[in-house]
C-alpha cells in the first residue's frame, strides 16, 4: 500500500485493488489498512498485519520521521549528503540500487536503536 501525507494525517491505497483508508498517525493508518484489506477480501485469504507492505516516498518519510537526520544517514551509508538531500526534498528520484542502499542504512539504524538501553539513575 502506498502511504501519502494529507492535511488531516495520512492515507494509504493499493495500486492493485480498490482499497483505500486514512489515519491520523502512521500506526493508526496501518491498523486501518489491515482492517480494510480484511474487509475487501472477506476472509478469502489468511491475512496477517505483517503480510501487508507499505511504501512511502523519501520526502514524506523524512518529514514524518524527522528525528532521522539525512546528513547523518548519508554519512553512515557513504553517500554524498547533497545527493541524499535532493532525494529527501523530491528534487531527484533515487535509482532502485540507491533506494536499497538508503533503506538498508535506515534499517541498520533502526536495529541499533531497538537494541539500545538507556542508563538512568534512581
PDB file of N, CA and C in Angstrom:
ATOM      1  N   UNK A   1       0.849  -1.173   0.000  1.00  0.00           N
ATOM      2  CA  UNK A   1       0.000   0.000   0.000  1.00  0.00           C
ATOM      3  C   UNK A   1       0.895   1.236   0.000  1.00  0.00           C
ATOM      4  N   UNK A   2       0.473   2.230  -0.725  1.00  0.00           N
ATOM      5  CA  UNK A   2       1.219   3.470  -0.847  1.00  0.00           C
ATOM      6  C   UNK A   2       0.704   4.436   0.225  1.00  0.00           C
ATOM      7  N   UNK A   3       1.616   4.987   1.012  1.00  0.00           N
ATOM      8  CA  UNK A   3       1.267   5.947   2.061  1.00  0.00           C
ATOM      9  C   UNK A   3       1.533   7.357   1.557  1.00  0.00           C
ATOM     10  N   UNK A   4       0.583   8.260   1.829  1.00  0.00           N
ATOM     11  CA  UNK A   4       0.759   9.670   1.490  1.00  0.00           C
ATOM     12  C   UNK A   4       0.333  10.523   2.669  1.00  0.00           C
ATOM     13  N   UNK A   5       1.011  11.640   2.851  1.00  0.00           N
ATOM     14  CA  UNK A   5       0.656  12.610   3.889  1.00  0.00           C
ATOM     15  C   UNK A   5      -0.520  13.430   3.386  1.00  0.00           C
ATOM     16  N   UNK A   6      -1.493  13.679   4.274  1.00  0.00           N
ATOM     17  CA  UNK A   6      -2.647  14.510   3.939  1.00  0.00           C
ATOM     18  C   UNK A   6      -2.730  15.663   4.925  1.00  0.00           C
ATOM     19  N   UNK A   7      -3.670  16.562   4.724  1.00  0.00           N
ATOM     20  CA  UNK A   7      -3.851  17.686   5.648  1.00  0.00           C
ATOM     21  C   UNK A   7      -4.295  17.227   7.032  1.00  0.00           C
ATOM     22  N   UNK A   8      -4.969  16.088   7.101  1.00  0.00           N
ATOM     23  CA  UNK A   8      -5.503  15.610   8.385  1.00  0.00           C
ATOM     24  C   UNK A   8      -4.752  14.408   8.934  1.00  0.00           C
ATOM     25  N   UNK A   9      -3.719  13.957   8.277  1.00  0.00           N
ATOM     26  CA  UNK A   9      -2.960  12.804   8.737  1.00  0.00           C
ATOM     27  C   UNK A   9      -2.312  12.092   7.583  1.00  0.00           C
ATOM     28  N   UNK A  10      -2.765  10.847   7.330  1.00  0.00           N
ATOM     29  CA  UNK A  10      -2.166  10.027   6.286  1.00  0.00           C
ATOM     30  C   UNK A  10      -3.250   9.237   5.566  1.00  0.00           C
ATOM     31  N   UNK A  11      -2.960   8.860   4.331  1.00  0.00           N
ATOM     32  CA  UNK A  11      -3.849   7.978   3.580  1.00  0.00           C
ATOM     33  C   UNK A  11      -2.999   6.858   3.006  1.00  0.00           C
ATOM     34  N   UNK A  12      -3.673   5.752   2.695  1.00  0.00           N
ATOM     35  CA  UNK A  12      -2.998   4.626   2.066  1.00  0.00           C
ATOM     36  C   UNK A  12      -3.940   4.035   1.032  1.00  0.00           C
ATOM     37  N   UNK A  13      -3.363   3.565  -0.060  1.00  0.00           N
ATOM     38  CA  UNK A  13      -4.174   2.933  -1.093  1.00  0.00           C
ATOM     39  C   UNK A  13      -3.371   1.819  -1.753  1.00  0.00           C
ATOM     40  N   UNK A  14      -4.099   0.883  -2.325  1.00  0.00           N
ATOM     41  CA  UNK A  14      -3.500  -0.222  -3.056  1.00  0.00           C
ATOM     42  C   UNK A  14      -3.509   0.115  -4.539  1.00  0.00           C
ATOM     43  N   UNK A  15      -2.433  -0.187  -5.223  1.00  0.00           N
ATOM     44  CA  UNK A  15      -2.391   0.009  -6.672  1.00  0.00           C
ATOM     45  C   UNK A  15      -3.066  -1.156  -7.404  1.00  0.00           C
ATOM     46  N   UNK A  16      -3.242  -2.283  -6.721  1.00  0.00           N
ATOM     47  CA  UNK A  16      -3.783  -3.474  -7.361  1.00  0.00           C
ATOM     48  C   UNK A  16      -5.258  -3.737  -7.074  1.00  0.00           C
ATOM     49  N   UNK A  17      -5.766  -3.205  -5.969  1.00  0.00           N
ATOM     50  CA  UNK A  17      -7.151  -3.444  -5.566  1.00  0.00           C
ATOM     51  C   UNK A  17      -7.784  -2.121  -5.136  1.00  0.00           C
ATOM     52  N   UNK A  18      -9.104  -2.015  -5.191  1.00  0.00           N
ATOM     53  CA  UNK A  18      -9.758  -0.761  -4.762  1.00  0.00           C
ATOM     54  C   UNK A  18      -9.872  -0.686  -3.233  1.00  0.00           C
ATOM     55  N   UNK A  19      -8.706  -0.555  -2.599  1.00  0.00           N
ATOM     56  CA  UNK A  19      -8.637  -0.486  -1.137  1.00  0.00           C
ATOM     57  C   UNK A  19      -7.992   0.842  -0.762  1.00  0.00           C
ATOM     58  N   UNK A  20      -8.715   1.621   0.039  1.00  0.00           N
ATOM     59  CA  UNK A  20      -8.247   2.944   0.484  1.00  0.00           C
ATOM     60  C   UNK A  20      -8.570   3.098   1.962  1.00  0.00           C
ATOM     61  N   UNK A  21      -7.749   3.857   2.680  1.00  0.00           N
ATOM     62  CA  UNK A  21      -8.036   4.151   4.082  1.00  0.00           C
ATOM     63  C   UNK A  21      -7.245   5.370   4.517  1.00  0.00           C
ATOM     64  N   UNK A  22      -7.570   5.871   5.702  1.00  0.00           N
ATOM     65  CA  UNK A  22      -6.872   7.024   6.263  1.00  0.00           C
ATOM     66  C   UNK A  22      -6.586   6.775   7.742  1.00  0.00           C
ATOM     67  N   UNK A  23      -5.766   7.641   8.305  1.00  0.00           N
ATOM     68  CA  UNK A  23      -5.468   7.602   9.735  1.00  0.00           C
ATOM     69  C   UNK A  23      -4.769   8.876  10.131  1.00  0.00           C
ATOM     70  N   UNK A  24      -4.925   9.262  11.384  1.00  0.00           N
ATOM     71  CA  UNK A  24      -4.268  10.487  11.866  1.00  0.00           C
ATOM     72  C   UNK A  24      -2.774  10.286  12.054  1.00  0.00           C
ATOM     73  N   UNK A  25      -2.361   9.052  12.373  1.00  0.00           N
ATOM     74  CA  UNK A  25      -0.949   8.722  12.554  1.00  0.00           C
ATOM     75  C   UNK A  25      -0.615   7.515  11.670  1.00  0.00           C
ATOM     76  N   UNK A  26       0.662   7.248  11.485  1.00  0.00           N
ATOM     77  CA  UNK A  26       1.063   6.091  10.684  1.00  0.00           C
ATOM     78  C   UNK A  26       0.631   4.786  11.347  1.00  0.00           C
ATOM     79  N   UNK A  27       0.832   4.601  12.659  1.00  0.00           N
ATOM     80  CA  UNK A  27       0.344   3.353  13.262  1.00  0.00           C
ATOM     81  C   UNK A  27      -1.175   3.166  13.104  1.00  0.00           C
ATOM     82  N   UNK A  28      -1.949   4.226  13.270  1.00  0.00           N
ATOM     83  CA  UNK A  28      -3.396   4.137  13.076  1.00  0.00           C
ATOM     84  C   UNK A  28      -3.713   3.783  11.628  1.00  0.00           C
ATOM     85  N   UNK A  29      -3.004   4.404  10.706  1.00  0.00           N
ATOM     86  CA  UNK A  29      -3.196   4.122   9.285  1.00  0.00           C
ATOM     87  C   UNK A  29      -2.920   2.653   8.981  1.00  0.00           C
ATOM     88  N   UNK A  30      -1.865   2.110   9.538  1.00  0.00           N
ATOM     89  CA  UNK A  30      -1.516   0.712   9.285  1.00  0.00           C
ATOM     90  C   UNK A  30      -2.597  -0.227   9.827  1.00  0.00           C
ATOM     91  N   UNK A  31      -3.115   0.071  11.003  1.00  0.00           N
ATOM     92  CA  UNK A  31      -4.211  -0.734  11.558  1.00  0.00           C
ATOM     93  C   UNK A  31      -5.449  -0.640  10.670  1.00  0.00           C
ATOM     94  N   UNK A  32      -5.782   0.567  10.241  1.00  0.00           N
ATOM     95  CA  UNK A  32      -6.941   0.764   9.370  1.00  0.00           C
ATOM     96  C   UNK A  32      -6.763   0.048   8.030  1.00  0.00           C
ATOM     97  N   UNK A  33      -5.537   0.052   7.511  1.00  0.00           N
ATOM     98  CA  UNK A  33      -5.261  -0.624   6.247  1.00  0.00           C
ATOM     99  C   UNK A  33      -5.474  -2.129   6.393  1.00  0.00           C
ATOM    100  N   UNK A  34      -5.016  -2.679   7.488  1.00  0.00           N
ATOM    101  CA  UNK A  34      -5.207  -4.111   7.744  1.00  0.00           C
ATOM    102  C   UNK A  34      -6.701  -4.447   7.778  1.00  0.00           C
ATOM    103  N   UNK A  35      -7.476  -3.629   8.476  1.00  0.00           N
ATOM    104  CA  UNK A  35      -8.932  -3.849   8.531  1.00  0.00           C
ATOM    105  C   UNK A  35      -9.566  -3.721   7.141  1.00  0.00           C
ATOM    106  N   UNK A  36      -9.130  -2.728   6.370  1.00  0.00           N
ATOM    107  CA  UNK A  36      -9.679  -2.517   5.036  1.00  0.00           C
ATOM    108  C   UNK A  36      -9.378  -3.706   4.115  1.00  0.00           C
ATOM    109  N   UNK A  37      -8.179  -4.244   4.218  1.00  0.00           N
ATOM    110  CA  UNK A  37      -7.805  -5.404   3.402  1.00  0.00           C
ATOM    111  C   UNK A  37      -8.641  -6.611   3.812  1.00  0.00           C
ATOM    112  N   UNK A  38      -8.815  -6.817   5.113  1.00  0.00           N
ATOM    113  CA  UNK A  38      -9.644  -7.928   5.584  1.00  0.00           C
ATOM    114  C   UNK A  38     -11.078  -7.786   5.076  1.00  0.00           C
ATOM    115  N   UNK A  39     -11.629  -6.593   5.135  1.00  0.00           N
ATOM    116  CA  UNK A  39     -12.991  -6.371   4.649  1.00  0.00           C
ATOM    117  C   UNK A  39     -13.096  -6.623   3.150  1.00  0.00           C
ATOM    118  N   UNK A  40     -12.118  -6.153   2.403  1.00  0.00           N
ATOM    119  CA  UNK A  40     -12.163  -6.317   0.952  1.00  0.00           C
ATOM    120  C   UNK A  40     -12.130  -7.798   0.567  1.00  0.00           C
ATOM    121  N   UNK A  41     -11.235  -8.553   1.180  1.00  0.00           N
ATOM    122  CA  UNK A  41     -11.093  -9.956   0.814  1.00  0.00           C
ATOM    123  C   UNK A  41     -12.063 -10.866   1.572  1.00  0.00           C
ATOM    124  N   UNK A  42     -12.802 -10.323   2.518  1.00  0.00           N
ATOM    125  CA  UNK A  42     -13.860 -11.038   3.223  1.00  0.00           C
ATOM    126  C   UNK A  42     -13.446 -12.455   3.621  1.00  0.00           C
ATOM    127  N   UNK A  43     -12.283 -12.545   4.264  1.00  0.00           N
ATOM    128  CA  UNK A  43     -11.756 -13.814   4.776  1.00  0.00           C
ATOM    129  C   UNK A  43     -11.491 -14.867   3.697  1.00  0.00           C
ATOM    130  N   UNK A  44     -11.324 -14.433   2.445  1.00  0.00           N
ATOM    131  CA  UNK A  44     -10.960 -15.359   1.363  1.00  0.00           C
ATOM    132  C   UNK A  44      -9.568 -15.926   1.572  1.00  0.00           C
ATOM    133  N   UNK A  45      -8.668 -15.076   2.114  1.00  0.00           N
ATOM    134  CA  UNK A  45      -7.280 -15.453   2.318  1.00  0.00           C
ATOM    135  C   UNK A  45      -6.913 -15.229   3.776  1.00  0.00           C
ATOM    136  N   UNK A  46      -5.894 -15.943   4.214  1.00  0.00           N
ATOM    137  CA  UNK A  46      -5.331 -15.710   5.549  1.00  0.00           C
ATOM    138  C   UNK A  46      -4.435 -14.478   5.444  1.00  0.00           C
ATOM    139  N   UNK A  47      -4.828 -13.405   6.101  1.00  0.00           N
ATOM    140  CA  UNK A  47      -4.081 -12.150   6.028  1.00  0.00           C
ATOM    141  C   UNK A  47      -3.632 -11.781   7.431  1.00  0.00           C
ATOM    142  N   UNK A  48      -2.349 -11.467   7.560  1.00  0.00           N
ATOM    143  CA  UNK A  48      -1.823 -11.002   8.843  1.00  0.00           C
ATOM    144  C   UNK A  48      -1.292  -9.584   8.647  1.00  0.00           C
ATOM    145  N   UNK A  49      -1.204  -8.815   9.719  1.00  0.00           N
ATOM    146  CA  UNK A  49      -0.667  -7.455   9.579  1.00  0.00           C
ATOM    147  C   UNK A  49       0.723  -7.435   8.947  1.00  0.00           C
ATOM    148  N   UNK A  50       1.524  -8.456   9.227  1.00  0.00           N
ATOM    149  CA  UNK A  50       2.886  -8.483   8.672  1.00  0.00           C
ATOM    150  C   UNK A  50       2.907  -8.810   7.176  1.00  0.00           C
ATOM    151  N   UNK A  51       1.786  -9.288   6.634  1.00  0.00           N
ATOM    152  CA  UNK A  51       1.755  -9.598   5.211  1.00  0.00           C
ATOM    153  C   UNK A  51       1.529  -8.357   4.342  1.00  0.00           C
ATOM    154  N   UNK A  52       1.145  -7.248   4.970  1.00  0.00           N
ATOM    155  CA  UNK A  52       0.965  -6.008   4.214  1.00  0.00           C
ATOM    156  C   UNK A  52       2.308  -5.308   4.049  1.00  0.00           C
ATOM    157  N   UNK A  53       2.513  -4.730   2.880  1.00  0.00           N
ATOM    158  CA  UNK A  53       3.736  -3.992   2.595  1.00  0.00           C
ATOM    159  C   UNK A  53       3.345  -2.538   2.372  1.00  0.00           C
ATOM    160  N   UNK A  54       4.016  -1.635   3.076  1.00  0.00           N
ATOM    161  CA  UNK A  54       3.730  -0.206   2.963  1.00  0.00           C
ATOM    162  C   UNK A  54       4.915   0.483   2.306  1.00  0.00           C
ATOM    163  N   UNK A  55       4.618   1.434   1.426  1.00  0.00           N
ATOM    164  CA  UNK A  55       5.651   2.214   0.748  1.00  0.00           C
ATOM    165  C   UNK A  55       5.357   3.686   0.951  1.00  0.00           C
ATOM    166  N   UNK A  56       6.423   4.450   1.118  1.00  0.00           N
ATOM    167  CA  UNK A  56       6.303   5.900   1.299  1.00  0.00           C
ATOM    168  C   UNK A  56       7.482   6.540   0.576  1.00  0.00           C
ATOM    169  N   UNK A  57       7.290   7.700  -0.026  1.00  0.00           N
ATOM    170  CA  UNK A  57       8.411   8.318  -0.735  1.00  0.00           C
ATOM    171  C   UNK A  57       9.365   8.971   0.267  1.00  0.00           C
ATOM    172  N   UNK A  58      10.570   9.277  -0.211  1.00  0.00           N
ATOM    173  CA  UNK A  58      11.618   9.791   0.677  1.00  0.00           C
ATOM    174  C   UNK A  58      11.212  11.083   1.368  1.00  0.00           C
ATOM    175  N   UNK A  59      10.633  11.994   0.622  1.00  0.00           N
ATOM    176  CA  UNK A  59      10.272  13.296   1.188  1.00  0.00           C
ATOM    177  C   UNK A  59       9.303  13.124   2.345  1.00  0.00           C
ATOM    178  N   UNK A  60       8.257  12.338   2.149  1.00  0.00           N
ATOM    179  CA  UNK A  60       7.276  12.133   3.204  1.00  0.00           C
ATOM    180  C   UNK A  60       7.859  11.332   4.372  1.00  0.00           C
ATOM    181  N   UNK A  61       8.722  10.372   4.069  1.00  0.00           N
ATOM    182  CA  UNK A  61       9.374   9.593   5.120  1.00  0.00           C
ATOM    183  C   UNK A  61      10.169  10.493   6.048  1.00  0.00           C
ATOM    184  N   UNK A  62      11.008  11.357   5.474  1.00  0.00           N
ATOM    185  CA  UNK A  62      11.856  12.210   6.301  1.00  0.00           C
ATOM    186  C   UNK A  62      11.066  13.329   6.981  1.00  0.00           C
ATOM    187  N   UNK A  63       9.917  13.713   6.435  1.00  0.00           N
ATOM    188  CA  UNK A  63       9.060  14.678   7.122  1.00  0.00           C
ATOM    189  C   UNK A  63       8.434  14.034   8.350  1.00  0.00           C
ATOM    190  N   UNK A  64       7.957  12.803   8.208  1.00  0.00           N
ATOM    191  CA  UNK A  64       7.305  12.136   9.328  1.00  0.00           C
ATOM    192  C   UNK A  64       8.325  11.696  10.381  1.00  0.00           C
ATOM    193  N   UNK A  65       9.408  11.096   9.940  1.00  0.00           N
ATOM    194  CA  UNK A  65      10.453  10.640  10.857  1.00  0.00           C
ATOM    195  C   UNK A  65      11.571  11.686  10.894  1.00  0.00           C
ATOM    196  N   UNK A  66      11.227  12.895  11.273  1.00  0.00           N
ATOM    197  CA  UNK A  66      12.194  13.994  11.228  1.00  0.00           C
ATOM    198  C   UNK A  66      13.279  13.865  12.290  1.00  0.00           C
ATOM    199  N   UNK A  67      13.174  12.875  13.137  1.00  0.00           N
ATOM    200  CA  UNK A  67      14.235  12.622  14.096  1.00  0.00           C
ATOM    201  C   UNK A  67      15.459  12.020  13.392  1.00  0.00           C
ATOM    202  N   UNK A  68      15.249  11.426  12.218  1.00  0.00           N
ATOM    203  CA  UNK A  68      16.340  10.855  11.448  1.00  0.00           C
ATOM    204  C   UNK A  68      16.923  11.936  10.536  1.00  0.00           C
ATOM    205  N   UNK A  69      18.130  12.313  10.788  1.00  0.00           N
ATOM    206  CA  UNK A  69      18.799  13.378  10.059  1.00  0.00           C
ATOM    207  C   UNK A  69      19.401  12.827   8.768  1.00  0.00           C
ATOM    208  N   UNK A  70      19.054  13.452   7.647  1.00  0.00           N
ATOM    209  CA  UNK A  70      19.526  12.981   6.346  1.00  0.00           C
ATOM    210  C   UNK A  70      21.048  13.073   6.236  1.00  0.00           C
ATOM    211  N   UNK A  71      21.643  14.095   6.804  1.00  0.00           N
ATOM    212  CA  UNK A  71      23.111  14.247   6.740  1.00  0.00           C
ATOM    213  C   UNK A  71      23.786  13.085   7.497  1.00  0.00           C
ATOM    214  N   UNK A  72      23.233  12.749   8.667  1.00  0.00           N
ATOM    215  CA  UNK A  72      23.757  11.631   9.458  1.00  0.00           C
ATOM    216  C   UNK A  72      23.635  10.331   8.676  1.00  0.00           C
ATOM    217  N   UNK A  73      22.479  10.101   8.080  1.00  0.00           N
ATOM    218  CA  UNK A  73      22.258   8.878   7.302  1.00  0.00           C
ATOM    219  C   UNK A  73      23.220   8.812   6.126  1.00  0.00           C
ATOM    220  N   UNK A  74      23.395   9.921   5.421  1.00  0.00           N
ATOM    221  CA  UNK A  74      24.300   9.953   4.269  1.00  0.00           C
ATOM    222  C   UNK A  74      25.716   9.560   4.694  1.00  0.00           C
ATOM    223  N   UNK A  75      26.158  10.092   5.825  1.00  0.00           N
ATOM    224  CA  UNK A  75      27.492   9.771   6.329  1.00  0.00           C
ATOM    225  C   UNK A  75      27.595   8.283   6.661  1.00  0.00           C
ATOM    226  N   UNK A  76      26.549   7.740   7.285  1.00  0.00           N
ATOM    227  CA  UNK A  76      26.552   6.332   7.684  1.00  0.00           C
ATOM    228  C   UNK A  76      26.626   5.392   6.483  1.00  0.00           C
ATOM    229  N   UNK A  77      25.992   5.746   5.384  1.00  0.00           N
ATOM    230  CA  UNK A  77      25.961   4.846   4.230  1.00  0.00           C
ATOM    231  C   UNK A  77      26.969   5.235   3.155  1.00  0.00           C
ATOM    232  N   UNK A  78      27.767   6.274   3.421  1.00  0.00           N
ATOM    233  CA  UNK A  78      28.797   6.682   2.476  1.00  0.00           C
ATOM    234  C   UNK A  78      28.257   7.338   1.223  1.00  0.00           C
ATOM    235  N   UNK A  79      27.182   8.118   1.393  1.00  0.00           N
ATOM    236  CA  UNK A  79      26.564   8.798   0.261  1.00  0.00           C
ATOM    237  C   UNK A  79      26.809  10.302   0.385  1.00  0.00           C
ATOM    238  N   UNK A  80      26.887  10.956  -0.735  1.00  0.00           N
ATOM    239  CA  UNK A  80      27.030  12.405  -0.735  1.00  0.00           C
ATOM    240  C   UNK A  80      25.794  13.017  -0.061  1.00  0.00           C
ATOM    241  N   UNK A  81      25.966  13.819   1.013  1.00  0.00           N
ATOM    242  CA  UNK A  81      24.826  14.408   1.731  1.00  0.00           C
ATOM    243  C   UNK A  81      23.948  15.285   0.837  1.00  0.00           C
ATOM    244  N   UNK A  82      24.555  15.970  -0.128  1.00  0.00           N
ATOM    245  CA  UNK A  82      23.777  16.818  -1.032  1.00  0.00           C
ATOM    246  C   UNK A  82      22.856  15.979  -1.909  1.00  0.00           C
ATOM    247  N   UNK A  83      23.352  14.844  -2.353  1.00  0.00           N
ATOM    248  CA  UNK A  83      22.545  13.953  -3.181  1.00  0.00           C
ATOM    249  C   UNK A  83      21.362  13.402  -2.377  1.00  0.00           C
ATOM    250  N   UNK A  84      21.622  12.927  -1.161  1.00  0.00           N
ATOM    251  CA  UNK A  84      20.531  12.417  -0.330  1.00  0.00           C
ATOM    252  C   UNK A  84      19.536  13.526  -0.026  1.00  0.00           C
ATOM    253  N   UNK A  85      20.021  14.727   0.200  1.00  0.00           N
ATOM    254  CA  UNK A  85      19.135  15.869   0.440  1.00  0.00           C
ATOM    255  C   UNK A  85      18.218  16.116  -0.762  1.00  0.00           C
ATOM    256  N   UNK A  86      18.744  15.957  -1.948  1.00  0.00           N
ATOM    257  CA  UNK A  86      17.922  16.137  -3.155  1.00  0.00           C
ATOM    258  C   UNK A  86      16.837  15.066  -3.248  1.00  0.00           C
ATOM    259  N   UNK A  87      17.151  13.848  -2.825  1.00  0.00           N
ATOM    260  CA  UNK A  87      16.141  12.786  -2.777  1.00  0.00           C
ATOM    261  C   UNK A  87      15.065  13.134  -1.754  1.00  0.00           C
ATOM    262  N   UNK A  88      15.503  13.574  -0.577  1.00  0.00           N
ATOM    263  CA  UNK A  88      14.583  13.903   0.519  1.00  0.00           C
ATOM    264  C   UNK A  88      13.655  15.048   0.125  1.00  0.00           C
ATOM    265  N   UNK A  89      14.180  16.034  -0.584  1.00  0.00           N
ATOM    266  CA  UNK A  89      13.378  17.183  -0.988  1.00  0.00           C
ATOM    267  C   UNK A  89      12.536  16.917  -2.231  1.00  0.00           C
ATOM    268  N   UNK A  90      12.706  15.763  -2.823  1.00  0.00           N
ATOM    269  CA  UNK A  90      11.926  15.411  -4.001  1.00  0.00           C
ATOM    270  C   UNK A  90      12.452  16.015  -5.297  1.00  0.00           C
ATOM    271  N   UNK A  91      13.648  16.564  -5.270  1.00  0.00           N
ATOM    272  CA  UNK A  91      14.230  17.158  -6.488  1.00  0.00           C
ATOM    273  C   UNK A  91      14.771  16.109  -7.443  1.00  0.00           C
ATOM    274  N   UNK A  92      15.209  14.980  -6.870  1.00  0.00           N
ATOM    275  CA  UNK A  92      15.708  13.869  -7.673  1.00  0.00           C
ATOM    276  C   UNK A  92      15.070  12.592  -7.149  1.00  0.00           C
ATOM    277  N   UNK A  93      14.992  11.603  -8.027  1.00  0.00           N
ATOM    278  CA  UNK A  93      14.452  10.297  -7.645  1.00  0.00           C
ATOM    279  C   UNK A  93      15.597   9.295  -7.646  1.00  0.00           C
ATOM    280  N   UNK A  94      15.793   8.586  -6.531  1.00  0.00           N
ATOM    281  CA  UNK A  94      16.908   7.635  -6.491  1.00  0.00           C
ATOM    282  C   UNK A  94      16.634   6.403  -7.348  1.00  0.00           C
ATOM    283  N   UNK A  95      17.709   5.806  -7.826  1.00  0.00           N
ATOM    284  CA  UNK A  95      17.589   4.549  -8.568  1.00  0.00           C
ATOM    285  C   UNK A  95      17.183   3.440  -7.601  1.00  0.00           C
ATOM    286  N   UNK A  96      16.834   2.301  -8.141  1.00  0.00           N
ATOM    287  CA  UNK A  96      16.473   1.165  -7.289  1.00  0.00           C
ATOM    288  C   UNK A  96      17.643   0.774  -6.386  1.00  0.00           C
ATOM    289  N   UNK A  97      18.840   0.798  -6.940  1.00  0.00           N
ATOM    290  CA  UNK A  97      20.045   0.458  -6.167  1.00  0.00           C
ATOM    291  C   UNK A  97      20.264   1.445  -5.019  1.00  0.00           C
ATOM    292  N   UNK A  98      20.132   2.734  -5.313  1.00  0.00           N
ATOM    293  CA  UNK A  98      20.295   3.760  -4.285  1.00  0.00           C
ATOM    294  C   UNK A  98      19.198   3.635  -3.220  1.00  0.00           C
ATOM    295  N   UNK A  99      17.987   3.337  -3.661  1.00  0.00           N
ATOM    296  CA  UNK A  99      16.879   3.170  -2.717  1.00  0.00           C
ATOM    297  C   UNK A  99      17.182   2.033  -1.752  1.00  0.00           C
ATOM    298  N   UNK A 100      17.662   0.903  -2.280  1.00  0.00           N
ATOM    299  CA  UNK A 100      18.007  -0.230  -1.403  1.00  0.00           C
ATOM    300  C   UNK A 100      19.119   0.148  -0.429  1.00  0.00           C
ATOM    301  N   UNK A 101      20.086   0.897  -0.905  1.00  0.00           N
ATOM    302  CA  UNK A 101      21.211   1.326  -0.062  1.00  0.00           C
ATOM    303  C   UNK A 101      20.720   2.217   1.084  1.00  0.00           C
ATOM    304  N   UNK A 102      19.852   3.152   0.773  1.00  0.00           N
ATOM    305  CA  UNK A 102      19.304   4.061   1.779  1.00  0.00           C
ATOM    306  C   UNK A 102      18.452   3.282   2.775  1.00  0.00           C
ATOM    307  N   UNK A 103      17.599   2.416   2.274  1.00  0.00           N
ATOM    308  CA  UNK A 103      16.728   1.635   3.146  1.00  0.00           C
ATOM    309  C   UNK A 103      17.534   0.721   4.052  1.00  0.00           C
ATOM    310  N   UNK A 104      18.595   0.140   3.535  1.00  0.00           N
ATOM    311  CA  UNK A 104      19.455  -0.705   4.362  1.00  0.00           C
ATOM    312  C   UNK A 104      20.070   0.115   5.507  1.00  0.00           C
ATOM    313  N   UNK A 105      20.498   1.340   5.201  1.00  0.00           N
ATOM    314  CA  UNK A 105      21.037   2.218   6.243  1.00  0.00           C
ATOM    315  C   UNK A 105      19.996   2.565   7.290  1.00  0.00           C
ATOM    316  N   UNK A 106      18.771   2.839   6.863  1.00  0.00           N
ATOM    317  CA  UNK A 106      17.682   3.142   7.795  1.00  0.00           C
ATOM    318  C   UNK A 106      17.410   1.932   8.677  1.00  0.00           C
ATOM    319  N   UNK A 107      17.384   0.734   8.079  1.00  0.00           N
ATOM    320  CA  UNK A 107      17.143  -0.483   8.853  1.00  0.00           C
ATOM    321  C   UNK A 107      18.264  -0.733   9.857  1.00  0.00           C
ATOM    322  N   UNK A 108      19.507  -0.474   9.471  1.00  0.00           N
ATOM    323  CA  UNK A 108      20.629  -0.653  10.396  1.00  0.00           C
ATOM    324  C   UNK A 108      20.494   0.279  11.593  1.00  0.00           C
ATOM    325  N   UNK A 109      20.159   1.530  11.340  1.00  0.00           N
ATOM    326  CA  UNK A 109      19.984   2.493  12.436  1.00  0.00           C
ATOM    327  C   UNK A 109      18.825   2.051  13.322  1.00  0.00           C
ATOM    328  N   UNK A 110      17.722   1.626  12.706  1.00  0.00           N
ATOM    329  CA  UNK A 110      16.578   1.140  13.479  1.00  0.00           C
ATOM    330  C   UNK A 110      16.939  -0.053  14.344  1.00  0.00           C
ATOM    331  N   UNK A 111      17.710  -0.980  13.797  1.00  0.00           N
ATOM    332  CA  UNK A 111      18.142  -2.159  14.547  1.00  0.00           C
ATOM    333  C   UNK A 111      18.996  -1.739  15.738  1.00  0.00           C
ATOM    334  N   UNK A 112      19.937  -0.839  15.504  1.00  0.00           N
ATOM    335  CA  UNK A 112      20.786  -0.351  16.594  1.00  0.00           C
ATOM    336  C   UNK A 112      19.948   0.285  17.695  1.00  0.00           C
ATOM    337  N   UNK A 113      18.989   1.118  17.284  1.00  0.00           N
ATOM    338  CA  UNK A 113      18.146   1.793  18.271  1.00  0.00           C
ATOM    339  C   UNK A 113      17.287   0.801  19.054  1.00  0.00           C
ATOM    340  N   UNK A 114      16.789  -0.230  18.378  1.00  0.00           N
ATOM    341  CA  UNK A 114      15.929  -1.201  19.060  1.00  0.00           C
ATOM    342  C   UNK A 114      16.711  -2.047  20.059  1.00  0.00           C
ATOM    343  N   UNK A 115      18.009  -2.153  19.874  1.00  0.00           N
ATOM    344  CA  UNK A 115      18.841  -2.935  20.788  1.00  0.00           C
ATOM    345  C   UNK A 115      19.478  -2.081  21.884  1.00  0.00           C
ATOM    346  N   UNK A 116      19.217  -0.789  21.877  1.00  0.00           N
ATOM    347  CA  UNK A 116      19.832   0.151  22.802  1.00  0.00           C
ATOM    348  C   UNK A 116      19.074   0.194  24.130  1.00  0.00           C
ATOM    349  N   UNK A 117      19.826   0.275  25.210  1.00  0.00           N
ATOM    350  CA  UNK A 117      19.252   0.515  26.530  1.00  0.00           C
ATOM    351  C   UNK A 117      19.826   1.829  27.046  1.00  0.00           C
ATOM    352  N   UNK A 118      19.016   2.589  27.745  1.00  0.00           N
ATOM    353  CA  UNK A 118      19.470   3.860  28.295  1.00  0.00           C
ATOM    354  C   UNK A 118      19.756   3.698  29.788  1.00  0.00           C
ATOM    355  N   UNK A 119      20.752   4.403  30.243  1.00  0.00           N
ATOM    356  CA  UNK A 119      21.116   4.387  31.664  1.00  0.00           C
ATOM    357  C   UNK A 119      20.321   5.471  32.352  1.00  0.00           C
ATOM    358  N   UNK A 120      19.758   5.129  33.472  1.00  0.00           N
ATOM    359  CA  UNK A 120      19.039   6.128  34.257  1.00  0.00           C
ATOM    360  C   UNK A 120      19.416   5.939  35.722  1.00  0.00           C
ATOM    361  N   UNK A 121      19.313   7.026  36.453  1.00  0.00           N
ATOM    362  CA  UNK A 121      19.620   6.981  37.884  1.00  0.00           C
ATOM    363  C   UNK A 121      18.347   6.973  38.675  1.00  0.00           C
ATOM    364  N   UNK A 122      18.373   6.260  39.787  1.00  0.00           N
ATOM    365  CA  UNK A 122      17.200   6.189  40.670  1.00  0.00           C
ATOM    366  C   UNK A 122      17.151   7.371  41.595  1.00  0.00           C
TER     367      UNK A 122
END
